[in-house]
PDB file of all heavy atoms in Angstrom:
ATOM      1  N   ALA A   1     165.570 108.491  89.226  1.00  0.00           N
ATOM      2  CA  ALA A   1     164.985 109.768  89.646  1.00  0.00           C
ATOM      3  C   ALA A   1     165.151 109.969  91.150  1.00  0.00           C
ATOM      4  O   ALA A   1     165.532 111.060  91.603  1.00  0.00           O
ATOM      5  CB  ALA A   1     163.507 109.823  89.256  1.00  0.00           C
ATOM      6  N   ASN A   2     164.913 108.933  91.923  1.00  0.00           N
ATOM      7  CA  ASN A   2     165.083 109.040  93.372  1.00  0.00           C
ATOM      8  C   ASN A   2     166.553 109.149  93.764  1.00  0.00           C
ATOM      9  O   ASN A   2     166.894 109.832  94.724  1.00  0.00           O
ATOM     10  CB  ASN A   2     164.408 107.868  94.084  1.00  0.00           C
ATOM     11  CG  ASN A   2     162.928 108.082  94.182  1.00  0.00           C
ATOM     12  OD1 ASN A   2     162.467 108.904  94.958  1.00  0.00           O
ATOM     13  ND2 ASN A   2     162.172 107.371  93.368  1.00  0.00           N
ATOM     14  N   LEU A   3     167.406 108.513  93.005  1.00  0.00           N
ATOM     15  CA  LEU A   3     168.842 108.642  93.240  1.00  0.00           C
ATOM     16  C   LEU A   3     169.279 110.090  93.018  1.00  0.00           C
ATOM     17  O   LEU A   3     170.055 110.643  93.795  1.00  0.00           O
ATOM     18  CB  LEU A   3     169.601 107.695  92.312  1.00  0.00           C
ATOM     19  CG  LEU A   3     171.093 107.575  92.532  1.00  0.00           C
ATOM     20  CD1 LEU A   3     171.400 106.988  93.896  1.00  0.00           C
ATOM     21  CD2 LEU A   3     171.703 106.724  91.436  1.00  0.00           C
ATOM     22  N   TYR A   4     168.760 110.705  91.980  1.00  0.00           N
ATOM     23  CA  TYR A   4     169.077 112.110  91.710  1.00  0.00           C
ATOM     24  C   TYR A   4     168.525 113.016  92.816  1.00  0.00           C
ATOM     25  O   TYR A   4     169.170 113.976  93.215  1.00  0.00           O
ATOM     26  CB  TYR A   4     168.537 112.538  90.339  1.00  0.00           C
ATOM     27  CG  TYR A   4     169.555 112.368  89.247  1.00  0.00           C
ATOM     28  CD1 TYR A   4     169.913 111.114  88.786  1.00  0.00           C
ATOM     29  CD2 TYR A   4     170.186 113.472  88.688  1.00  0.00           C
ATOM     30  CE1 TYR A   4     170.858 110.955  87.793  1.00  0.00           C
ATOM     31  CE2 TYR A   4     171.127 113.328  87.688  1.00  0.00           C
ATOM     32  CZ  TYR A   4     171.464 112.055  87.248  1.00  0.00           C
ATOM     33  OH  TYR A   4     172.409 111.909  86.267  1.00  0.00           O
ATOM     34  N   GLU A   5     167.327 112.711  93.294  1.00  0.00           N
ATOM     35  CA  GLU A   5     166.750 113.495  94.391  1.00  0.00           C
ATOM     36  C   GLU A   5     167.615 113.402  95.642  1.00  0.00           C
ATOM     37  O   GLU A   5     167.721 114.369  96.394  1.00  0.00           O
ATOM     38  CB  GLU A   5     165.339 113.003  94.721  1.00  0.00           C
ATOM     39  CG  GLU A   5     164.277 113.499  93.780  1.00  0.00           C
ATOM     40  CD  GLU A   5     162.884 113.142  94.261  1.00  0.00           C
ATOM     41  OE1 GLU A   5     162.612 113.255  95.476  1.00  0.00           O
ATOM     42  OE2 GLU A   5     162.073 112.741  93.414  1.00  0.00           O
ATOM     43  N   ALA A   6     168.234 112.256  95.863  1.00  0.00           N
ATOM     44  CA  ALA A   6     169.077 112.060  97.046  1.00  0.00           C
ATOM     45  C   ALA A   6     170.232 113.058  97.068  1.00  0.00           C
ATOM     46  O   ALA A   6     170.718 113.434  98.139  1.00  0.00           O
ATOM     47  CB  ALA A   6     169.603 110.628  97.087  1.00  0.00           C
ATOM     48  N   LYS A   7     170.650 113.496  95.892  1.00  0.00           N
ATOM     49  CA  LYS A   7     171.737 114.469  95.787  1.00  0.00           C
ATOM     50  C   LYS A   7     171.432 115.742  96.564  1.00  0.00           C
ATOM     51  O   LYS A   7     172.331 116.392  97.083  1.00  0.00           O
ATOM     52  CB  LYS A   7     171.924 114.828  94.299  1.00  0.00           C
ATOM     53  CG  LYS A   7     173.311 114.775  93.799  1.00  0.00           C
ATOM     54  CD  LYS A   7     173.397 114.790  92.285  1.00  0.00           C
ATOM     55  CE  LYS A   7     172.988 116.038  91.590  1.00  0.00           C
ATOM     56  NZ  LYS A   7     173.377 116.073  90.177  1.00  0.00           N
ATOM     57  N   TYR A   8     170.176 116.100  96.651  1.00  0.00           N
ATOM     58  CA  TYR A   8     169.751 117.338  97.307  1.00  0.00           C
ATOM     59  C   TYR A   8     168.951 117.063  98.575  1.00  0.00           C
ATOM     60  O   TYR A   8     168.094 117.859  98.956  1.00  0.00           O
ATOM     61  CB  TYR A   8     168.960 118.200  96.324  1.00  0.00           C
ATOM     62  CG  TYR A   8     169.799 118.596  95.136  1.00  0.00           C
ATOM     63  CD1 TYR A   8     169.667 117.935  93.924  1.00  0.00           C
ATOM     64  CD2 TYR A   8     170.777 119.575  95.256  1.00  0.00           C
ATOM     65  CE1 TYR A   8     170.468 118.264  92.837  1.00  0.00           C
ATOM     66  CE2 TYR A   8     171.588 119.910  94.176  1.00  0.00           C
ATOM     67  CZ  TYR A   8     171.422 119.253  92.979  1.00  0.00           C
ATOM     68  OH  TYR A   8     172.229 119.573  91.911  1.00  0.00           O
ATOM     69  N   ALA A   9     169.252 115.954  99.208  1.00  0.00           N
ATOM     70  CA  ALA A   9     168.554 115.593 100.445  1.00  0.00           C
ATOM     71  C   ALA A   9     168.771 116.661 101.510  1.00  0.00           C
ATOM     72  O   ALA A   9     169.815 117.306 101.565  1.00  0.00           O
ATOM     73  CB  ALA A   9     169.056 114.239 100.940  1.00  0.00           C
ATOM     74  N   GLN A  10     167.764 116.842 102.339  1.00  0.00           N
ATOM     75  CA  GLN A  10     167.820 117.867 103.381  1.00  0.00           C
ATOM     76  C   GLN A  10     168.549 117.388 104.634  1.00  0.00           C
ATOM     77  O   GLN A  10     168.894 118.201 105.484  1.00  0.00           O
ATOM     78  CB  GLN A  10     166.407 118.320 103.732  1.00  0.00           C
ATOM     79  CG  GLN A  10     165.725 118.986 102.546  1.00  0.00           C
ATOM     80  CD  GLN A  10     164.276 119.322 102.827  1.00  0.00           C
ATOM     81  OE1 GLN A  10     163.682 118.819 103.769  1.00  0.00           O
ATOM     82  NE2 GLN A  10     163.707 120.173 101.996  1.00  0.00           N
ATOM     83  N   SER A  11     168.757 116.088 104.734  1.00  0.00           N
ATOM     84  CA  SER A  11     169.443 115.517 105.902  1.00  0.00           C
ATOM     85  C   SER A  11     169.974 114.138 105.530  1.00  0.00           C
ATOM     86  O   SER A  11     169.640 113.604 104.472  1.00  0.00           O
ATOM     87  CB  SER A  11     168.469 115.392 107.078  1.00  0.00           C
ATOM     88  OG  SER A  11     167.453 114.445 106.753  1.00  0.00           O
ATOM     89  N   ARG A  12     170.775 113.564 106.413  1.00  0.00           N
ATOM     90  CA  ARG A  12     171.281 112.200 106.190  1.00  0.00           C
ATOM     91  C   ARG A  12     170.105 111.224 106.138  1.00  0.00           C
ATOM     92  O   ARG A  12     170.068 110.327 105.300  1.00  0.00           O
ATOM     93  CB  ARG A  12     172.263 111.831 107.309  1.00  0.00           C
ATOM     94  CG  ARG A  12     172.784 110.406 107.260  1.00  0.00           C
ATOM     95  CD  ARG A  12     173.626 110.086 106.076  1.00  0.00           C
ATOM     96  NE  ARG A  12     174.861 110.840 106.100  1.00  0.00           N
ATOM     97  CZ  ARG A  12     175.797 110.729 105.194  1.00  0.00           C
ATOM     98  NH1 ARG A  12     175.666 109.876 104.199  1.00  0.00           N
ATOM     99  NH2 ARG A  12     176.879 111.455 105.238  1.00  0.00           N
ATOM    100  N   ALA A  13     169.116 111.417 107.011  1.00  0.00           N
ATOM    101  CA  ALA A  13     167.943 110.534 107.015  1.00  0.00           C
ATOM    102  C   ALA A  13     167.163 110.647 105.700  1.00  0.00           C
ATOM    103  O   ALA A  13     166.699 109.631 105.162  1.00  0.00           O
ATOM    104  CB  ALA A  13     167.044 110.865 108.201  1.00  0.00           C
ATOM    105  N   ASP A  14     167.027 111.851 105.180  1.00  0.00           N
ATOM    106  CA  ASP A  14     166.341 112.066 103.905  1.00  0.00           C
ATOM    107  C   ASP A  14     167.118 111.403 102.766  1.00  0.00           C
ATOM    108  O   ASP A  14     166.532 110.776 101.884  1.00  0.00           O
ATOM    109  CB  ASP A  14     166.178 113.569 103.647  1.00  0.00           C
ATOM    110  CG  ASP A  14     165.330 113.885 102.426  1.00  0.00           C
ATOM    111  OD1 ASP A  14     164.373 113.135 102.141  1.00  0.00           O
ATOM    112  OD2 ASP A  14     165.617 114.907 101.765  1.00  0.00           O
ATOM    113  N   PHE A  15     168.444 111.525 102.812  1.00  0.00           N
ATOM    114  CA  PHE A  15     169.318 110.899 101.818  1.00  0.00           C
ATOM    115  C   PHE A  15     169.112 109.376 101.813  1.00  0.00           C
ATOM    116  O   PHE A  15     168.886 108.768 100.756  1.00  0.00           O
ATOM    117  CB  PHE A  15     170.780 111.245 102.131  1.00  0.00           C
ATOM    118  CG  PHE A  15     171.771 110.583 101.231  1.00  0.00           C
ATOM    119  CD1 PHE A  15     171.998 111.038  99.941  1.00  0.00           C
ATOM    120  CD2 PHE A  15     172.504 109.479 101.680  1.00  0.00           C
ATOM    121  CE1 PHE A  15     172.929 110.425  99.115  1.00  0.00           C
ATOM    122  CE2 PHE A  15     173.428 108.859 100.861  1.00  0.00           C
ATOM    123  CZ  PHE A  15     173.643 109.330  99.577  1.00  0.00           C
ATOM    124  N   ILE A  16     169.149 108.787 102.988  1.00  0.00           N
ATOM    125  CA  ILE A  16     168.964 107.332 103.113  1.00  0.00           C
ATOM    126  C   ILE A  16     167.568 106.940 102.628  1.00  0.00           C
ATOM    127  O   ILE A  16     167.404 105.944 101.913  1.00  0.00           O
ATOM    128  CB  ILE A  16     169.214 106.869 104.567  1.00  0.00           C
ATOM    129  CG1 ILE A  16     170.700 107.035 104.907  1.00  0.00           C
ATOM    130  CG2 ILE A  16     168.751 105.428 104.781  1.00  0.00           C
ATOM    131  CD1 ILE A  16     171.038 106.907 106.379  1.00  0.00           C
ATOM    132  N   ASN A  17     166.558 107.731 102.982  1.00  0.00           N
ATOM    133  CA  ASN A  17     165.190 107.457 102.546  1.00  0.00           C
ATOM    134  C   ASN A  17     165.075 107.435 101.024  1.00  0.00           C
ATOM    135  O   ASN A  17     164.439 106.547 100.460  1.00  0.00           O
ATOM    136  CB  ASN A  17     164.232 108.498 103.143  1.00  0.00           C
ATOM    137  CG  ASN A  17     162.794 108.205 102.793  1.00  0.00           C
ATOM    138  OD1 ASN A  17     162.301 107.114 103.030  1.00  0.00           O
ATOM    139  ND2 ASN A  17     162.132 109.184 102.212  1.00  0.00           N
ATOM    140  N   LYS A  18     165.706 108.400 100.356  1.00  0.00           N
ATOM    141  CA  LYS A  18     165.653 108.442  98.878  1.00  0.00           C
ATOM    142  C   LYS A  18     166.320 107.209  98.280  1.00  0.00           C
ATOM    143  O   LYS A  18     165.838 106.641  97.302  1.00  0.00           O
ATOM    144  CB  LYS A  18     166.329 109.702  98.338  1.00  0.00           C
ATOM    145  CG  LYS A  18     165.668 110.992  98.749  1.00  0.00           C
ATOM    146  CD  LYS A  18     164.308 111.168  98.151  1.00  0.00           C
ATOM    147  CE  LYS A  18     163.794 112.560  98.450  1.00  0.00           C
ATOM    148  NZ  LYS A  18     162.399 112.578  98.811  1.00  0.00           N
ATOM    149  N   LEU A  19     167.456 106.803  98.872  1.00  0.00           N
ATOM    150  CA  LEU A  19     168.129 105.594  98.385  1.00  0.00           C
ATOM    151  C   LEU A  19     167.251 104.367  98.601  1.00  0.00           C
ATOM    152  O   LEU A  19     167.193 103.475  97.742  1.00  0.00           O
ATOM    153  CB  LEU A  19     169.473 105.404  99.086  1.00  0.00           C
ATOM    154  CG  LEU A  19     170.563 106.425  98.791  1.00  0.00           C
ATOM    155  CD1 LEU A  19     171.841 106.046  99.549  1.00  0.00           C
ATOM    156  CD2 LEU A  19     170.855 106.534  97.313  1.00  0.00           C
ATOM    157  N   GLU A  20     166.568 104.321  99.737  1.00  0.00           N
ATOM    158  CA  GLU A  20     165.692 103.175 100.017  1.00  0.00           C
ATOM    159  C   GLU A  20     164.496 103.144  99.070  1.00  0.00           C
ATOM    160  O   GLU A  20     164.044 102.072  98.680  1.00  0.00           O
ATOM    161  CB  GLU A  20     165.255 103.189 101.480  1.00  0.00           C
ATOM    162  CG  GLU A  20     166.409 102.816 102.408  1.00  0.00           C
ATOM    163  CD  GLU A  20     166.073 102.890 103.880  1.00  0.00           C
ATOM    164  OE1 GLU A  20     165.167 103.662 104.265  1.00  0.00           O
ATOM    165  OE2 GLU A  20     166.753 102.190 104.658  1.00  0.00           O
ATOM    166  N   ILE A  21     163.989 104.321  98.683  1.00  0.00           N
ATOM    167  CA  ILE A  21     162.909 104.368  97.686  1.00  0.00           C
ATOM    168  C   ILE A  21     163.430 103.850  96.346  1.00  0.00           C
ATOM    169  O   ILE A  21     162.744 103.073  95.668  1.00  0.00           O
ATOM    170  CB  ILE A  21     162.326 105.787  97.555  1.00  0.00           C
ATOM    171  CG1 ILE A  21     161.600 106.174  98.845  1.00  0.00           C
ATOM    172  CG2 ILE A  21     161.383 105.888  96.352  1.00  0.00           C
ATOM    173  CD1 ILE A  21     161.200 107.640  98.925  1.00  0.00           C
ATOM    174  N   SER A  22     164.646 104.234  95.972  1.00  0.00           N
ATOM    175  CA  SER A  22     165.259 103.709  94.743  1.00  0.00           C
ATOM    176  C   SER A  22     165.331 102.188  94.792  1.00  0.00           C
ATOM    177  O   SER A  22     165.032 101.504  93.810  1.00  0.00           O
ATOM    178  CB  SER A  22     166.665 104.274  94.551  1.00  0.00           C
ATOM    179  OG  SER A  22     166.625 105.600  94.145  1.00  0.00           O
ATOM    180  N   LEU A  23     165.716 101.664  95.951  1.00  0.00           N
ATOM    181  CA  LEU A  23     165.820 100.209  96.124  1.00  0.00           C
ATOM    182  C   LEU A  23     164.445  99.542  95.973  1.00  0.00           C
ATOM    183  O   LEU A  23     164.330  98.487  95.335  1.00  0.00           O
ATOM    184  CB  LEU A  23     166.446  99.893  97.484  1.00  0.00           C
ATOM    185  CG  LEU A  23     166.706  98.434  97.801  1.00  0.00           C
ATOM    186  CD1 LEU A  23     167.653  97.799  96.780  1.00  0.00           C
ATOM    187  CD2 LEU A  23     167.281  98.308  99.205  1.00  0.00           C
ATOM    188  N   LYS A  24     163.414 100.155  96.528  1.00  0.00           N
ATOM    189  CA  LYS A  24     162.059  99.606  96.389  1.00  0.00           C
ATOM    190  C   LYS A  24     161.616  99.619  94.927  1.00  0.00           C
ATOM    191  O   LYS A  24     160.992  98.665  94.451  1.00  0.00           O
ATOM    192  CB  LYS A  24     161.069 100.407  97.235  1.00  0.00           C
ATOM    193  CG  LYS A  24     161.204 100.152  98.718  1.00  0.00           C
ATOM    194  CD  LYS A  24     160.226 101.006  99.502  1.00  0.00           C
ATOM    195  CE  LYS A  24     160.384 100.771 100.989  1.00  0.00           C
ATOM    196  NZ  LYS A  24     159.438 101.573 101.782  1.00  0.00           N
ATOM    197  N   GLU A  25     161.924 100.693  94.216  1.00  0.00           N
ATOM    198  CA  GLU A  25     161.576 100.774  92.793  1.00  0.00           C
ATOM    199  C   GLU A  25     162.328  99.709  91.992  1.00  0.00           C
ATOM    200  O   GLU A  25     161.805  99.144  91.037  1.00  0.00           O
ATOM    201  CB  GLU A  25     161.864 102.171  92.242  1.00  0.00           C
ATOM    202  CG  GLU A  25     161.012 103.263  92.840  1.00  0.00           C
ATOM    203  CD  GLU A  25     159.538 103.175  92.485  1.00  0.00           C
ATOM    204  OE1 GLU A  25     159.170 102.522  91.485  1.00  0.00           O
ATOM    205  OE2 GLU A  25     158.726 103.776  93.223  1.00  0.00           O
ATOM    206  N   CYS A  26     163.551  99.434  92.413  1.00  0.00           N
ATOM    207  CA  CYS A  26     164.356  98.394  91.770  1.00  0.00           C
ATOM    208  C   CYS A  26     163.692  97.026  91.956  1.00  0.00           C
ATOM    209  O   CYS A  26     163.613  96.226  91.028  1.00  0.00           O
ATOM    210  CB  CYS A  26     165.762  98.423  92.386  1.00  0.00           C
ATOM    211  SG  CYS A  26     166.992  97.535  91.461  1.00  0.00           S
ATOM    212  N   SER A  27     163.201  96.789  93.154  1.00  0.00           N
ATOM    213  CA  SER A  27     162.503  95.538  93.446  1.00  0.00           C
ATOM    214  C   SER A  27     161.204  95.437  92.651  1.00  0.00           C
ATOM    215  O   SER A  27     160.877  94.374  92.104  1.00  0.00           O
ATOM    216  CB  SER A  27     162.217  95.462  94.947  1.00  0.00           C
ATOM    217  OG  SER A  27     161.553  94.272  95.256  1.00  0.00           O
ATOM    218  N   GLU A  28     160.469  96.540  92.565  1.00  0.00           N
ATOM    219  CA  GLU A  28     159.239  96.545  91.774  1.00  0.00           C
ATOM    220  C   GLU A  28     159.531  96.254  90.310  1.00  0.00           C
ATOM    221  O   GLU A  28     158.801  95.510  89.652  1.00  0.00           O
ATOM    222  CB  GLU A  28     158.517  97.889  91.896  1.00  0.00           C
ATOM    223  CG  GLU A  28     157.229  97.915  91.105  1.00  0.00           C
ATOM    224  CD  GLU A  28     156.486  99.237  91.167  1.00  0.00           C
ATOM    225  OE1 GLU A  28     156.702 100.029  92.101  1.00  0.00           O
ATOM    226  OE2 GLU A  28     155.680  99.473  90.252  1.00  0.00           O
ATOM    227  N   THR A  29     160.619  96.808  89.805  1.00  0.00           N
ATOM    228  CA  THR A  29     161.003  96.576  88.409  1.00  0.00           C
ATOM    229  C   THR A  29     161.290  95.094  88.176  1.00  0.00           C
ATOM    230  O   THR A  29     160.924  94.547  87.126  1.00  0.00           O
ATOM    231  CB  THR A  29     162.225  97.438  88.047  1.00  0.00           C
ATOM    232  OG1 THR A  29     161.883  98.823  88.225  1.00  0.00           O
ATOM    233  CG2 THR A  29     162.665  97.210  86.606  1.00  0.00           C
ATOM    234  N   GLU A  30     161.899  94.448  89.161  1.00  0.00           N
ATOM    235  CA  GLU A  30     162.156  93.006  89.053  1.00  0.00           C
ATOM    236  C   GLU A  30     160.841  92.246  88.869  1.00  0.00           C
ATOM    237  O   GLU A  30     160.744  91.331  88.047  1.00  0.00           O
ATOM    238  CB  GLU A  30     162.875  92.517  90.313  1.00  0.00           C
ATOM    239  CG  GLU A  30     163.188  91.030  90.296  1.00  0.00           C
ATOM    240  CD  GLU A  30     163.900  90.566  91.557  1.00  0.00           C
ATOM    241  OE1 GLU A  30     163.849  91.267  92.591  1.00  0.00           O
ATOM    242  OE2 GLU A  30     164.519  89.493  91.499  1.00  0.00           O
ATOM    243  N   TYR A  31     159.820  92.642  89.602  1.00  0.00           N
ATOM    244  CA  TYR A  31     158.508  92.014  89.501  1.00  0.00           C
ATOM    245  C   TYR A  31     157.922  92.160  88.090  1.00  0.00           C
ATOM    246  O   TYR A  31     157.474  91.184  87.483  1.00  0.00           O
ATOM    247  CB  TYR A  31     157.572  92.637  90.541  1.00  0.00           C
ATOM    248  CG  TYR A  31     156.143  92.169  90.437  1.00  0.00           C
ATOM    249  CD1 TYR A  31     155.765  90.913  90.914  1.00  0.00           C
ATOM    250  CD2 TYR A  31     155.163  92.975  89.862  1.00  0.00           C
ATOM    251  CE1 TYR A  31     154.456  90.477  90.821  1.00  0.00           C
ATOM    252  CE2 TYR A  31     153.850  92.546  89.768  1.00  0.00           C
ATOM    253  CZ  TYR A  31     153.497  91.299  90.244  1.00  0.00           C
ATOM    254  OH  TYR A  31     152.196  90.858  90.146  1.00  0.00           O
ATOM    255  N   TRP A  32     157.949  93.390  87.555  1.00  0.00           N
ATOM    256  CA  TRP A  32     157.385  93.626  86.222  1.00  0.00           C
ATOM    257  C   TRP A  32     158.183  92.895  85.143  1.00  0.00           C
ATOM    258  O   TRP A  32     157.605  92.379  84.177  1.00  0.00           O
ATOM    259  CB  TRP A  32     157.292  95.115  85.909  1.00  0.00           C
ATOM    260  CG  TRP A  32     156.356  95.839  86.836  1.00  0.00           C
ATOM    261  CD1 TRP A  32     156.668  96.830  87.712  1.00  0.00           C
ATOM    262  CD2 TRP A  32     154.952  95.606  86.988  1.00  0.00           C
ATOM    263  NE1 TRP A  32     155.547  97.225  88.406  1.00  0.00           N
ATOM    264  CE2 TRP A  32     154.470  96.494  87.975  1.00  0.00           C
ATOM    265  CE3 TRP A  32     154.043  94.741  86.386  1.00  0.00           C
ATOM    266  CZ2 TRP A  32     153.149  96.537  88.374  1.00  0.00           C
ATOM    267  CZ3 TRP A  32     152.714  94.779  86.780  1.00  0.00           C
ATOM    268  CH2 TRP A  32     152.277  95.669  87.763  1.00  0.00           C
ATOM    269  N   LEU A  33     159.508  92.839  85.306  1.00  0.00           N
ATOM    270  CA  LEU A  33     160.330  92.076  84.358  1.00  0.00           C
ATOM    271  C   LEU A  33     159.895  90.614  84.334  1.00  0.00           C
ATOM    272  O   LEU A  33     159.731  90.017  83.267  1.00  0.00           O
ATOM    273  CB  LEU A  33     161.812  92.155  84.729  1.00  0.00           C
ATOM    274  CG  LEU A  33     162.574  93.414  84.377  1.00  0.00           C
ATOM    275  CD1 LEU A  33     163.957  93.406  85.023  1.00  0.00           C
ATOM    276  CD2 LEU A  33     162.691  93.574  82.864  1.00  0.00           C
TER     277      LEU A  33
END
């Protein structure tokens, strides 16, 4: 979902932020697994 949001980022910084949120969610998923 955050990766898809990055598609419509308002700036390069916003794009990077969305990717970093995706990465954090990926890490959280590792914990739950």
